[in-house]
Amino acid sequence: MRFTDYQVLSFDCYGTLINWEAGIAAVLSPWAKSRGLTLNDEQLLTAYSTHEATAEAEHPTDPYPGILARSLRALGNELDAAVSDQDAAALATSVPDWPAFADSHDADRGRRAGSR
């Protein structure tokens, strides 16, 4: 494959390069604790993920920040825990703060060096 044969290349980086679970948990955990919920990160992520899948299926053209906010609101409804506009916005705007996996930077550098 020659990269010059293509105008655009795309790949999924979330879950491959970016640790979305840690990023989402970093927002969900403080929200849950502030609402008196005793769920751990794994339990929160499991419950949250069903709402994100539903939101993506029901609103496939929505931008991802809207999916995140919608999903948190649905999770709040399920858990009978309030979700403020600030809570929803915190998750919706958190993507740039999601951490990369430790080996992502080195793997990307190797890929770029090999493509020259």
PDB file of N, CA and C in Angstrom:
ATOM      1  N   MET A   1       0.849  -1.177   0.000  1.00  0.00           N
ATOM      2  CA  MET A   1       0.000   0.000   0.000  1.00  0.00           C
ATOM      3  C   MET A   1       0.891   1.235   0.000  1.00  0.00           C
ATOM      4  N   ARG A   2       0.556   2.166  -0.846  1.00  0.00           N
ATOM      5  CA  ARG A   2       1.262   3.452  -0.865  1.00  0.00           C
ATOM      6  C   ARG A   2       0.309   4.509  -0.330  1.00  0.00           C
ATOM      7  N   PHE A   3       0.729   5.233   0.666  1.00  0.00           N
ATOM      8  CA  PHE A   3      -0.138   6.244   1.264  1.00  0.00           C
ATOM      9  C   PHE A   3      -0.478   7.348   0.271  1.00  0.00           C
ATOM     10  N   THR A   4       0.358   7.556  -0.727  1.00  0.00           N
ATOM     11  CA  THR A   4       0.081   8.593  -1.721  1.00  0.00           C
ATOM     12  C   THR A   4      -1.055   8.205  -2.665  1.00  0.00           C
ATOM     13  N   ASP A   5      -1.505   6.958  -2.614  1.00  0.00           N
ATOM     14  CA  ASP A   5      -2.637   6.522  -3.435  1.00  0.00           C
ATOM     15  C   ASP A   5      -3.975   6.971  -2.856  1.00  0.00           C
ATOM     16  N   TYR A   6      -3.967   7.564  -1.681  1.00  0.00           N
ATOM     17  CA  TYR A   6      -5.195   7.926  -0.984  1.00  0.00           C
ATOM     18  C   TYR A   6      -5.193   9.403  -0.618  1.00  0.00           C
ATOM     19  N   GLN A   7      -6.366  10.004  -0.660  1.00  0.00           N
ATOM     20  CA  GLN A   7      -6.510  11.390  -0.234  1.00  0.00           C
ATOM     21  C   GLN A   7      -6.785  11.483   1.258  1.00  0.00           C
ATOM     22  N   VAL A   8      -7.467  10.467   1.803  1.00  0.00           N
ATOM     23  CA  VAL A   8      -7.842  10.485   3.215  1.00  0.00           C
ATOM     24  C   VAL A   8      -7.641   9.089   3.786  1.00  0.00           C
ATOM     25  N   LEU A   9      -7.064   9.021   4.962  1.00  0.00           N
ATOM     26  CA  LEU A   9      -6.957   7.771   5.712  1.00  0.00           C
ATOM     27  C   LEU A   9      -7.627   7.985   7.050  1.00  0.00           C
ATOM     28  N   SER A  10      -8.346   6.993   7.508  1.00  0.00           N
ATOM     29  CA  SER A  10      -9.055   7.097   8.778  1.00  0.00           C
ATOM     30  C   SER A  10      -8.909   5.787   9.538  1.00  0.00           C
ATOM     31  N   PHE A  11      -8.817   5.882  10.839  1.00  0.00           N
ATOM     32  CA  PHE A  11      -8.835   4.688  11.663  1.00  0.00           C
ATOM     33  C   PHE A  11      -9.443   5.026  13.002  1.00  0.00           C
ATOM     34  N   ASP A  12      -9.986   4.005  13.637  1.00  0.00           N
ATOM     35  CA  ASP A  12     -10.616   4.155  14.938  1.00  0.00           C
ATOM     36  C   ASP A  12      -9.542   4.195  16.002  1.00  0.00           C
ATOM     37  N   CYS A  13      -9.482   5.281  16.735  1.00  0.00           N
ATOM     38  CA  CYS A  13      -8.428   5.385  17.749  1.00  0.00           C
ATOM     39  C   CYS A  13      -8.947   5.114  19.160  1.00  0.00           C
ATOM     40  N   TYR A  14     -10.257   5.215  19.392  1.00  0.00           N
ATOM     41  CA  TYR A  14     -10.774   5.016  20.734  1.00  0.00           C
ATOM     42  C   TYR A  14     -10.827   3.530  21.057  1.00  0.00           C
ATOM     43  N   GLY A  15     -10.196   3.166  22.133  1.00  0.00           N
ATOM     44  CA  GLY A  15     -10.075   1.775  22.516  1.00  0.00           C
ATOM     45  C   GLY A  15      -8.826   1.145  21.941  1.00  0.00           C
ATOM     46  N   THR A  16      -8.232   1.786  20.951  1.00  0.00           N
ATOM     47  CA  THR A  16      -6.985   1.315  20.355  1.00  0.00           C
ATOM     48  C   THR A  16      -5.832   2.181  20.846  1.00  0.00           C
ATOM     49  N   LEU A  17      -5.960   3.479  20.677  1.00  0.00           N
ATOM     50  CA  LEU A  17      -4.939   4.425  21.128  1.00  0.00           C
ATOM     51  C   LEU A  17      -5.374   5.179  22.378  1.00  0.00           C
ATOM     52  N   ILE A  18      -6.668   5.427  22.472  1.00  0.00           N
ATOM     53  CA  ILE A  18      -7.211   6.250  23.557  1.00  0.00           C
ATOM     54  C   ILE A  18      -7.993   5.368  24.525  1.00  0.00           C
ATOM     55  N   ASN A  19      -7.714   5.538  25.803  1.00  0.00           N
ATOM     56  CA  ASN A  19      -8.383   4.761  26.845  1.00  0.00           C
ATOM     57  C   ASN A  19      -9.696   5.452  27.207  1.00  0.00           C
ATOM     58  N   TRP A  20     -10.718   5.176  26.406  1.00  0.00           N
ATOM     59  CA  TRP A  20     -12.014   5.820  26.623  1.00  0.00           C
ATOM     60  C   TRP A  20     -12.633   5.415  27.953  1.00  0.00           C
ATOM     61  N   GLU A  21     -12.366   4.194  28.401  1.00  0.00           N
ATOM     62  CA  GLU A  21     -12.940   3.772  29.681  1.00  0.00           C
ATOM     63  C   GLU A  21     -12.416   4.645  30.818  1.00  0.00           C
ATOM     64  N   ALA A  22     -11.124   4.894  30.838  1.00  0.00           N
ATOM     65  CA  ALA A  22     -10.549   5.753  31.882  1.00  0.00           C
ATOM     66  C   ALA A  22     -11.075   7.177  31.755  1.00  0.00           C
ATOM     67  N   GLY A  23     -11.220   7.652  30.526  1.00  0.00           N
ATOM     68  CA  GLY A  23     -11.722   9.009  30.305  1.00  0.00           C
ATOM     69  C   GLY A  23     -13.150   9.191  30.772  1.00  0.00           C
ATOM     70  N   ILE A  24     -14.009   8.248  30.441  1.00  0.00           N
ATOM     71  CA  ILE A  24     -15.411   8.337  30.863  1.00  0.00           C
ATOM     72  C   ILE A  24     -15.525   8.124  32.367  1.00  0.00           C
ATOM     73  N   ALA A  25     -14.793   7.162  32.895  1.00  0.00           N
ATOM     74  CA  ALA A  25     -14.842   6.896  34.341  1.00  0.00           C
ATOM     75  C   ALA A  25     -14.372   8.102  35.143  1.00  0.00           C
ATOM     76  N   ALA A  26     -13.435   8.867  34.596  1.00  0.00           N
ATOM     77  CA  ALA A  26     -12.934  10.056  35.297  1.00  0.00           C
ATOM     78  C   ALA A  26     -14.031  11.100  35.495  1.00  0.00           C
ATOM     79  N   VAL A  27     -15.052  11.055  34.669  1.00  0.00           N
ATOM     80  CA  VAL A  27     -16.190  11.972  34.817  1.00  0.00           C
ATOM     81  C   VAL A  27     -17.326  11.287  35.583  1.00  0.00           C
ATOM     82  N   LEU A  28     -17.604  10.030  35.251  1.00  0.00           N
ATOM     83  CA  LEU A  28     -18.720   9.328  35.901  1.00  0.00           C
ATOM     84  C   LEU A  28     -18.500   9.115  37.391  1.00  0.00           C
ATOM     85  N   SER A  29     -17.295   8.762  37.782  1.00  0.00           N
ATOM     86  CA  SER A  29     -17.035   8.430  39.183  1.00  0.00           C
ATOM     87  C   SER A  29     -17.306   9.599  40.129  1.00  0.00           C
ATOM     88  N   PRO A  30     -16.766  10.789  39.860  1.00  0.00           N
ATOM     89  CA  PRO A  30     -17.086  11.917  40.757  1.00  0.00           C
ATOM     90  C   PRO A  30     -18.574  12.279  40.733  1.00  0.00           C
ATOM     91  N   TRP A  31     -19.187  12.177  39.550  1.00  0.00           N
ATOM     92  CA  TRP A  31     -20.630  12.446  39.466  1.00  0.00           C
ATOM     93  C   TRP A  31     -21.390  11.471  40.350  1.00  0.00           C
ATOM     94  N   ALA A  32     -21.089  10.177  40.243  1.00  0.00           N
ATOM     95  CA  ALA A  32     -21.789   9.155  41.022  1.00  0.00           C
ATOM     96  C   ALA A  32     -21.584   9.371  42.518  1.00  0.00           C
ATOM     97  N   LYS A  33     -20.356   9.630  42.919  1.00  0.00           N
ATOM     98  CA  LYS A  33     -20.071   9.859  44.344  1.00  0.00           C
ATOM     99  C   LYS A  33     -20.831  11.062  44.870  1.00  0.00           C
ATOM    100  N   SER A  34     -20.913  12.119  44.052  1.00  0.00           N
ATOM    101  CA  SER A  34     -21.629  13.324  44.492  1.00  0.00           C
ATOM    102  C   SER A  34     -23.121  13.089  44.620  1.00  0.00           C
ATOM    103  N   ARG A  35     -23.616  12.013  44.016  1.00  0.00           N
ATOM    104  CA  ARG A  35     -25.039  11.659  44.098  1.00  0.00           C
ATOM    105  C   ARG A  35     -25.289  10.546  45.105  1.00  0.00           C
ATOM    106  N   GLY A  36     -24.238  10.157  45.836  1.00  0.00           N
ATOM    107  CA  GLY A  36     -24.388   9.129  46.853  1.00  0.00           C
ATOM    108  C   GLY A  36     -24.455   7.716  46.312  1.00  0.00           C
ATOM    109  N   LEU A  37     -24.061   7.530  45.067  1.00  0.00           N
ATOM    110  CA  LEU A  37     -24.060   6.197  44.473  1.00  0.00           C
ATOM    111  C   LEU A  37     -22.788   5.461  44.883  1.00  0.00           C
ATOM    112  N   THR A  38     -22.875   4.160  45.053  1.00  0.00           N
ATOM    113  CA  THR A  38     -21.729   3.383  45.526  1.00  0.00           C
ATOM    114  C   THR A  38     -21.195   2.437  44.456  1.00  0.00           C
ATOM    115  N   LEU A  39     -21.498   2.704  43.206  1.00  0.00           N
ATOM    116  CA  LEU A  39     -21.017   1.857  42.117  1.00  0.00           C
ATOM    117  C   LEU A  39     -19.535   2.121  41.860  1.00  0.00           C
ATOM    118  N   ASN A  40     -18.776   1.061  41.578  1.00  0.00           N
ATOM    119  CA  ASN A  40     -17.373   1.264  41.222  1.00  0.00           C
ATOM    120  C   ASN A  40     -17.287   1.609  39.731  1.00  0.00           C
ATOM    121  N   ASP A  41     -16.077   1.906  39.259  1.00  0.00           N
ATOM    122  CA  ASP A  41     -15.907   2.324  37.864  1.00  0.00           C
ATOM    123  C   ASP A  41     -16.431   1.281  36.889  1.00  0.00           C
ATOM    124  N   GLU A  42     -16.131   0.022  37.128  1.00  0.00           N
ATOM    125  CA  GLU A  42     -16.572  -1.027  36.215  1.00  0.00           C
ATOM    126  C   GLU A  42     -18.100  -1.099  36.149  1.00  0.00           C
ATOM    127  N   GLN A  43     -18.748  -0.989  37.283  1.00  0.00           N
ATOM    128  CA  GLN A  43     -20.211  -1.027  37.306  1.00  0.00           C
ATOM    129  C   GLN A  43     -20.796   0.190  36.591  1.00  0.00           C
ATOM    130  N   LEU A  44     -20.201   1.350  36.818  1.00  0.00           N
ATOM    131  CA  LEU A  44     -20.671   2.563  36.144  1.00  0.00           C
ATOM    132  C   LEU A  44     -20.506   2.450  34.632  1.00  0.00           C
ATOM    133  N   LEU A  45     -19.333   1.990  34.201  1.00  0.00           N
ATOM    134  CA  LEU A  45     -19.075   1.875  32.765  1.00  0.00           C
ATOM    135  C   LEU A  45     -20.001   0.856  32.105  1.00  0.00           C
ATOM    136  N   THR A  46     -20.270  -0.237  32.788  1.00  0.00           N
ATOM    137  CA  THR A  46     -21.171  -1.248  32.244  1.00  0.00           C
ATOM    138  C   THR A  46     -22.569  -0.667  32.072  1.00  0.00           C
ATOM    139  N   ALA A  47     -23.052   0.004  33.095  1.00  0.00           N
ATOM    140  CA  ALA A  47     -24.383   0.608  33.012  1.00  0.00           C
ATOM    141  C   ALA A  47     -24.415   1.713  31.961  1.00  0.00           C
ATOM    142  N   TYR A  48     -23.390   2.541  31.944  1.00  0.00           N
ATOM    143  CA  TYR A  48     -23.313   3.647  30.992  1.00  0.00           C
ATOM    144  C   TYR A  48     -23.277   3.137  29.553  1.00  0.00           C
ATOM    145  N   SER A  49     -22.499   2.093  29.302  1.00  0.00           N
ATOM    146  CA  SER A  49     -22.278   1.641  27.928  1.00  0.00           C
ATOM    147  C   SER A  49     -23.566   1.224  27.229  1.00  0.00           C
ATOM    148  N   THR A  50     -24.507   0.683  27.965  1.00  0.00           N
ATOM    149  CA  THR A  50     -25.779   0.310  27.334  1.00  0.00           C
ATOM    150  C   THR A  50     -26.527   1.554  26.856  1.00  0.00           C
ATOM    151  N   HIS A  51     -26.418   2.626  27.621  1.00  0.00           N
ATOM    152  CA  HIS A  51     -27.095   3.871  27.230  1.00  0.00           C
ATOM    153  C   HIS A  51     -26.398   4.523  26.042  1.00  0.00           C
ATOM    154  N   GLU A  52     -25.060   4.429  26.003  1.00  0.00           N
ATOM    155  CA  GLU A  52     -24.351   5.008  24.854  1.00  0.00           C
ATOM    156  C   GLU A  52     -24.693   4.237  23.579  1.00  0.00           C
ATOM    157  N   ALA A  53     -24.742   2.930  23.664  1.00  0.00           N
ATOM    158  CA  ALA A  53     -25.100   2.118  22.489  1.00  0.00           C
ATOM    159  C   ALA A  53     -26.507   2.459  22.002  1.00  0.00           C
ATOM    160  N   THR A  54     -27.423   2.626  22.936  1.00  0.00           N
ATOM    161  CA  THR A  54     -28.796   2.985  22.569  1.00  0.00           C
ATOM    162  C   THR A  54     -28.841   4.363  21.924  1.00  0.00           C
ATOM    163  N   ALA A  55     -28.139   5.326  22.527  1.00  0.00           N
ATOM    164  CA  ALA A  55     -28.124   6.693  21.984  1.00  0.00           C
ATOM    165  C   ALA A  55     -27.540   6.710  20.575  1.00  0.00           C
ATOM    166  N   GLU A  56     -26.476   5.950  20.353  1.00  0.00           N
ATOM    167  CA  GLU A  56     -25.863   5.905  19.021  1.00  0.00           C
ATOM    168  C   GLU A  56     -26.802   5.264  18.004  1.00  0.00           C
ATOM    169  N   ALA A  57     -27.521   4.234  18.419  1.00  0.00           N
ATOM    170  CA  ALA A  57     -28.449   3.557  17.508  1.00  0.00           C
ATOM    171  C   ALA A  57     -29.664   4.428  17.196  1.00  0.00           C
ATOM    172  N   GLU A  58     -30.157   5.132  18.188  1.00  0.00           N
ATOM    173  CA  GLU A  58     -31.357   5.952  18.003  1.00  0.00           C
ATOM    174  C   GLU A  58     -31.075   7.315  17.394  1.00  0.00           C
ATOM    175  N   HIS A  59     -29.849   7.789  17.503  1.00  0.00           N
ATOM    176  CA  HIS A  59     -29.478   9.124  17.010  1.00  0.00           C
ATOM    177  C   HIS A  59     -28.145   9.036  16.259  1.00  0.00           C
ATOM    178  N   PRO A  60     -28.109   8.277  15.163  1.00  0.00           N
ATOM    179  CA  PRO A  60     -26.831   7.992  14.501  1.00  0.00           C
ATOM    180  C   PRO A  60     -26.131   9.209  13.895  1.00  0.00           C
ATOM    181  N   THR A  61     -26.852  10.292  13.688  1.00  0.00           N
ATOM    182  CA  THR A  61     -26.217  11.475  13.102  1.00  0.00           C
ATOM    183  C   THR A  61     -25.814  12.512  14.143  1.00  0.00           C
ATOM    184  N   ASP A  62     -26.118  12.254  15.401  1.00  0.00           N
ATOM    185  CA  ASP A  62     -25.734  13.210  16.444  1.00  0.00           C
ATOM    186  C   ASP A  62     -24.224  13.247  16.607  1.00  0.00           C
ATOM    187  N   PRO A  63     -23.667  14.426  16.815  1.00  0.00           N
ATOM    188  CA  PRO A  63     -22.241  14.510  17.141  1.00  0.00           C
ATOM    189  C   PRO A  63     -21.971  13.771  18.462  1.00  0.00           C
ATOM    190  N   TYR A  64     -20.761  13.244  18.583  1.00  0.00           N
ATOM    191  CA  TYR A  64     -20.430  12.430  19.755  1.00  0.00           C
ATOM    192  C   TYR A  64     -20.626  13.161  21.083  1.00  0.00           C
ATOM    193  N   PRO A  65     -20.292  14.449  21.195  1.00  0.00           N
ATOM    194  CA  PRO A  65     -20.558  15.113  22.482  1.00  0.00           C
ATOM    195  C   PRO A  65     -22.033  15.036  22.893  1.00  0.00           C
ATOM    196  N   GLY A  66     -22.933  15.135  21.928  1.00  0.00           N
ATOM    197  CA  GLY A  66     -24.355  14.999  22.229  1.00  0.00           C
ATOM    198  C   GLY A  66     -24.716  13.593  22.683  1.00  0.00           C
ATOM    199  N   ILE A  67     -24.076  12.591  22.080  1.00  0.00           N
ATOM    200  CA  ILE A  67     -24.289  11.199  22.491  1.00  0.00           C
ATOM    201  C   ILE A  67     -23.838  11.011  23.933  1.00  0.00           C
ATOM    202  N   LEU A  68     -22.691  11.566  24.264  1.00  0.00           N
ATOM    203  CA  LEU A  68     -22.181  11.447  25.636  1.00  0.00           C
ATOM    204  C   LEU A  68     -23.146  12.075  26.635  1.00  0.00           C
ATOM    205  N   ALA A  69     -23.599  13.289  26.348  1.00  0.00           N
ATOM    206  CA  ALA A  69     -24.521  13.980  27.252  1.00  0.00           C
ATOM    207  C   ALA A  69     -25.837  13.215  27.382  1.00  0.00           C
ATOM    208  N   ARG A  70     -26.380  12.767  26.257  1.00  0.00           N
ATOM    209  CA  ARG A  70     -27.641  12.005  26.248  1.00  0.00           C
ATOM    210  C   ARG A  70     -27.501  10.716  27.056  1.00  0.00           C
ATOM    211  N   SER A  71     -26.350  10.062  26.917  1.00  0.00           N
ATOM    212  CA  SER A  71     -26.102   8.798  27.610  1.00  0.00           C
ATOM    213  C   SER A  71     -26.017   8.992  29.119  1.00  0.00           C
ATOM    214  N   LEU A  72     -25.356  10.063  29.535  1.00  0.00           N
ATOM    215  CA  LEU A  72     -25.276  10.338  30.977  1.00  0.00           C
ATOM    216  C   LEU A  72     -26.659  10.644  31.537  1.00  0.00           C
ATOM    217  N   ARG A  73     -27.451  11.392  30.805  1.00  0.00           N
ATOM    218  CA  ARG A  73     -28.817  11.673  31.279  1.00  0.00           C
ATOM    219  C   ARG A  73     -29.626  10.384  31.419  1.00  0.00           C
ATOM    220  N   ALA A  74     -29.487   9.481  30.469  1.00  0.00           N
ATOM    221  CA  ALA A  74     -30.199   8.199  30.541  1.00  0.00           C
ATOM    222  C   ALA A  74     -29.693   7.369  31.718  1.00  0.00           C
ATOM    223  N   LEU A  75     -28.392   7.389  31.957  1.00  0.00           N
ATOM    224  CA  LEU A  75     -27.835   6.677  33.104  1.00  0.00           C
ATOM    225  C   LEU A  75     -28.394   7.260  34.395  1.00  0.00           C
ATOM    226  N   GLY A  76     -28.451   8.566  34.482  1.00  0.00           N
ATOM    227  CA  GLY A  76     -29.031   9.209  35.663  1.00  0.00           C
ATOM    228  C   GLY A  76     -30.469   8.784  35.882  1.00  0.00           C
ATOM    229  N   ASN A  77     -31.239   8.702  34.791  1.00  0.00           N
ATOM    230  CA  ASN A  77     -32.630   8.242  34.909  1.00  0.00           C
ATOM    231  C   ASN A  77     -32.678   6.816  35.440  1.00  0.00           C
ATOM    232  N   GLU A  78     -31.813   5.948  34.905  1.00  0.00           N
ATOM    233  CA  GLU A  78     -31.793   4.554  35.347  1.00  0.00           C
ATOM    234  C   GLU A  78     -31.456   4.443  36.833  1.00  0.00           C
ATOM    235  N   LEU A  79     -30.500   5.235  37.273  1.00  0.00           N
ATOM    236  CA  LEU A  79     -30.021   5.144  38.652  1.00  0.00           C
ATOM    237  C   LEU A  79     -30.766   6.070  39.606  1.00  0.00           C
ATOM    238  N   ASP A  80     -31.755   6.799  39.085  1.00  0.00           N
ATOM    239  CA  ASP A  80     -32.511   7.769  39.875  1.00  0.00           C
ATOM    240  C   ASP A  80     -31.570   8.775  40.529  1.00  0.00           C
ATOM    241  N   ALA A  81     -30.636   9.285  39.711  1.00  0.00           N
ATOM    242  CA  ALA A  81     -29.644  10.253  40.169  1.00  0.00           C
ATOM    243  C   ALA A  81     -29.683  11.464  39.240  1.00  0.00           C
ATOM    244  N   ALA A  82     -29.723  12.625  39.822  1.00  0.00           N
ATOM    245  CA  ALA A  82     -29.824  13.858  39.042  1.00  0.00           C
ATOM    246  C   ALA A  82     -28.602  14.051  38.147  1.00  0.00           C
ATOM    247  N   VAL A  83     -28.861  14.541  36.937  1.00  0.00           N
ATOM    248  CA  VAL A  83     -27.813  14.928  35.999  1.00  0.00           C
ATOM    249  C   VAL A  83     -28.085  16.370  35.606  1.00  0.00           C
ATOM    250  N   SER A  84     -27.238  17.268  36.058  1.00  0.00           N
ATOM    251  CA  SER A  84     -27.406  18.679  35.729  1.00  0.00           C
ATOM    252  C   SER A  84     -26.868  18.957  34.330  1.00  0.00           C
ATOM    253  N   ASP A  85     -27.186  20.138  33.815  1.00  0.00           N
ATOM    254  CA  ASP A  85     -26.613  20.544  32.535  1.00  0.00           C
ATOM    255  C   ASP A  85     -25.090  20.571  32.625  1.00  0.00           C
ATOM    256  N   GLN A  86     -24.566  20.976  33.778  1.00  0.00           N
ATOM    257  CA  GLN A  86     -23.108  20.996  33.973  1.00  0.00           C
ATOM    258  C   GLN A  86     -22.525  19.585  33.943  1.00  0.00           C
ATOM    259  N   ASP A  87     -23.216  18.633  34.546  1.00  0.00           N
ATOM    260  CA  ASP A  87     -22.761  17.239  34.530  1.00  0.00           C
ATOM    261  C   ASP A  87     -22.700  16.727  33.088  1.00  0.00           C
ATOM    262  N   ALA A  88     -23.770  16.954  32.342  1.00  0.00           N
ATOM    263  CA  ALA A  88     -23.827  16.489  30.955  1.00  0.00           C
ATOM    264  C   ALA A  88     -22.741  17.161  30.120  1.00  0.00           C
ATOM    265  N   ALA A  89     -22.543  18.461  30.335  1.00  0.00           N
ATOM    266  CA  ALA A  89     -21.506  19.184  29.589  1.00  0.00           C
ATOM    267  C   ALA A  89     -20.106  18.696  29.967  1.00  0.00           C
ATOM    268  N   ALA A  90     -19.916  18.338  31.228  1.00  0.00           N
ATOM    269  CA  ALA A  90     -18.601  17.847  31.659  1.00  0.00           C
ATOM    270  C   ALA A  90     -18.220  16.589  30.893  1.00  0.00           C
ATOM    271  N   LEU A  91     -19.169  15.675  30.723  1.00  0.00           N
ATOM    272  CA  LEU A  91     -18.866  14.464  29.970  1.00  0.00           C
ATOM    273  C   LEU A  91     -18.743  14.773  28.479  1.00  0.00           C
ATOM    274  N   ALA A  92     -19.628  15.603  27.973  1.00  0.00           N
ATOM    275  CA  ALA A  92     -19.625  15.929  26.545  1.00  0.00           C
ATOM    276  C   ALA A  92     -18.333  16.592  26.096  1.00  0.00           C
ATOM    277  N   THR A  93     -17.703  17.336  26.963  1.00  0.00           N
ATOM    278  CA  THR A  93     -16.481  18.064  26.601  1.00  0.00           C
ATOM    279  C   THR A  93     -15.205  17.390  27.101  1.00  0.00           C
ATOM    280  N   SER A  94     -15.327  16.183  27.649  1.00  0.00           N
ATOM    281  CA  SER A  94     -14.176  15.524  28.270  1.00  0.00           C
ATOM    282  C   SER A  94     -13.262  14.789  27.294  1.00  0.00           C
ATOM    283  N   VAL A  95     -13.704  14.562  26.079  1.00  0.00           N
ATOM    284  CA  VAL A  95     -12.940  13.725  25.141  1.00  0.00           C
ATOM    285  C   VAL A  95     -11.481  14.173  24.991  1.00  0.00           C
ATOM    286  N   PRO A  96     -11.188  15.463  24.859  1.00  0.00           N
ATOM    287  CA  PRO A  96      -9.772  15.848  24.726  1.00  0.00           C
ATOM    288  C   PRO A  96      -8.918  15.482  25.948  1.00  0.00           C
ATOM    289  N   ASP A  97      -9.549  15.236  27.065  1.00  0.00           N
ATOM    290  CA  ASP A  97      -8.818  14.887  28.284  1.00  0.00           C
ATOM    291  C   ASP A  97      -8.639  13.379  28.458  1.00  0.00           C
ATOM    292  N   TRP A  98      -9.262  12.581  27.621  1.00  0.00           N
ATOM    293  CA  TRP A  98      -9.147  11.136  27.750  1.00  0.00           C
ATOM    294  C   TRP A  98      -7.704  10.734  27.493  1.00  0.00           C
ATOM    295  N   PRO A  99      -7.161   9.895  28.347  1.00  0.00           N
ATOM    296  CA  PRO A  99      -5.739   9.564  28.214  1.00  0.00           C
ATOM    297  C   PRO A  99      -5.468   8.557  27.097  1.00  0.00           C
ATOM    298  N   ALA A 100      -4.310   8.706  26.512  1.00  0.00           N
ATOM    299  CA  ALA A 100      -3.831   7.692  25.567  1.00  0.00           C
ATOM    300  C   ALA A 100      -3.263   6.530  26.370  1.00  0.00           C
ATOM    301  N   PHE A 101      -3.310   5.337  25.787  1.00  0.00           N
ATOM    302  CA  PHE A 101      -2.614   4.218  26.411  1.00  0.00           C
ATOM    303  C   PHE A 101      -1.122   4.527  26.404  1.00  0.00           C
ATOM    304  N   ALA A 102      -0.415   3.990  27.361  1.00  0.00           N
ATOM    305  CA  ALA A 102       1.006   4.292  27.534  1.00  0.00           C
ATOM    306  C   ALA A 102       1.826   4.021  26.279  1.00  0.00           C
ATOM    307  N   ASP A 103       1.475   3.001  25.509  1.00  0.00           N
ATOM    308  CA  ASP A 103       2.277   2.657  24.336  1.00  0.00           C
ATOM    309  C   ASP A 103       1.808   3.341  23.044  1.00  0.00           C
ATOM    310  N   SER A 104       0.787   4.175  23.104  1.00  0.00           N
ATOM    311  CA  SER A 104       0.239   4.790  21.893  1.00  0.00           C
ATOM    312  C   SER A 104       1.234   5.715  21.204  1.00  0.00           C
ATOM    313  N   HIS A 105       1.899   6.543  21.956  1.00  0.00           N
ATOM    314  CA  HIS A 105       2.825   7.507  21.363  1.00  0.00           C
ATOM    315  C   HIS A 105       3.954   6.798  20.627  1.00  0.00           C
ATOM    316  N   ASP A 106       4.581   5.823  21.274  1.00  0.00           N
ATOM    317  CA  ASP A 106       5.684   5.105  20.646  1.00  0.00           C
ATOM    318  C   ASP A 106       5.214   4.314  19.429  1.00  0.00           C
ATOM    319  N   ALA A 107       4.037   3.717  19.504  1.00  0.00           N
ATOM    320  CA  ALA A 107       3.513   2.953  18.372  1.00  0.00           C
ATOM    321  C   ALA A 107       3.242   3.871  17.192  1.00  0.00           C
ATOM    322  N   ASP A 108       2.704   5.056  17.450  1.00  0.00           N
ATOM    323  CA  ASP A 108       2.426   6.008  16.381  1.00  0.00           C
ATOM    324  C   ASP A 108       3.725   6.512  15.759  1.00  0.00           C
ATOM    325  N   ARG A 109       4.728   6.767  16.570  1.00  0.00           N
ATOM    326  CA  ARG A 109       6.020   7.220  16.039  1.00  0.00           C
ATOM    327  C   ARG A 109       6.616   6.160  15.130  1.00  0.00           C
ATOM    328  N   GLY A 110       6.515   4.887  15.517  1.00  0.00           N
ATOM    329  CA  GLY A 110       7.022   3.809  14.690  1.00  0.00           C
ATOM    330  C   GLY A 110       6.283   3.685  13.379  1.00  0.00           C
ATOM    331  N   ARG A 111       4.956   3.887  13.413  1.00  0.00           N
ATOM    332  CA  ARG A 111       4.150   3.803  12.193  1.00  0.00           C
ATOM    333  C   ARG A 111       4.548   4.922  11.245  1.00  0.00           C
ATOM    334  N   ARG A 112       4.699   6.138  11.779  1.00  0.00           N
ATOM    335  CA  ARG A 112       5.063   7.265  10.919  1.00  0.00           C
ATOM    336  C   ARG A 112       6.470   7.101  10.353  1.00  0.00           C
ATOM    337  N   ALA A 113       7.375   6.608  11.149  1.00  0.00           N
ATOM    338  CA  ALA A 113       8.742   6.416  10.664  1.00  0.00           C
ATOM    339  C   ALA A 113       8.779   5.359   9.574  1.00  0.00           C
ATOM    340  N   GLY A 114       7.972   4.319   9.696  1.00  0.00           N
ATOM    341  CA  GLY A 114       7.939   3.250   8.708  1.00  0.00           C
ATOM    342  C   GLY A 114       7.259   3.636   7.415  1.00  0.00           C
ATOM    343  N   SER A 115       6.466   4.706   7.434  1.00  0.00           N
ATOM    344  CA  SER A 115       5.724   5.086   6.238  1.00  0.00           C
ATOM    345  C   SER A 115       6.520   6.026   5.345  1.00  0.00           C
ATOM    346  N   ARG A 116       7.681   6.436   5.758  1.00  0.00           N
ATOM    347  CA  ARG A 116       8.462   7.384   4.960  1.00  0.00           C
ATOM    348  C   ARG A 116       9.215   6.711   3.856  1.00  0.00           C
TER     349      ARG A 116
END
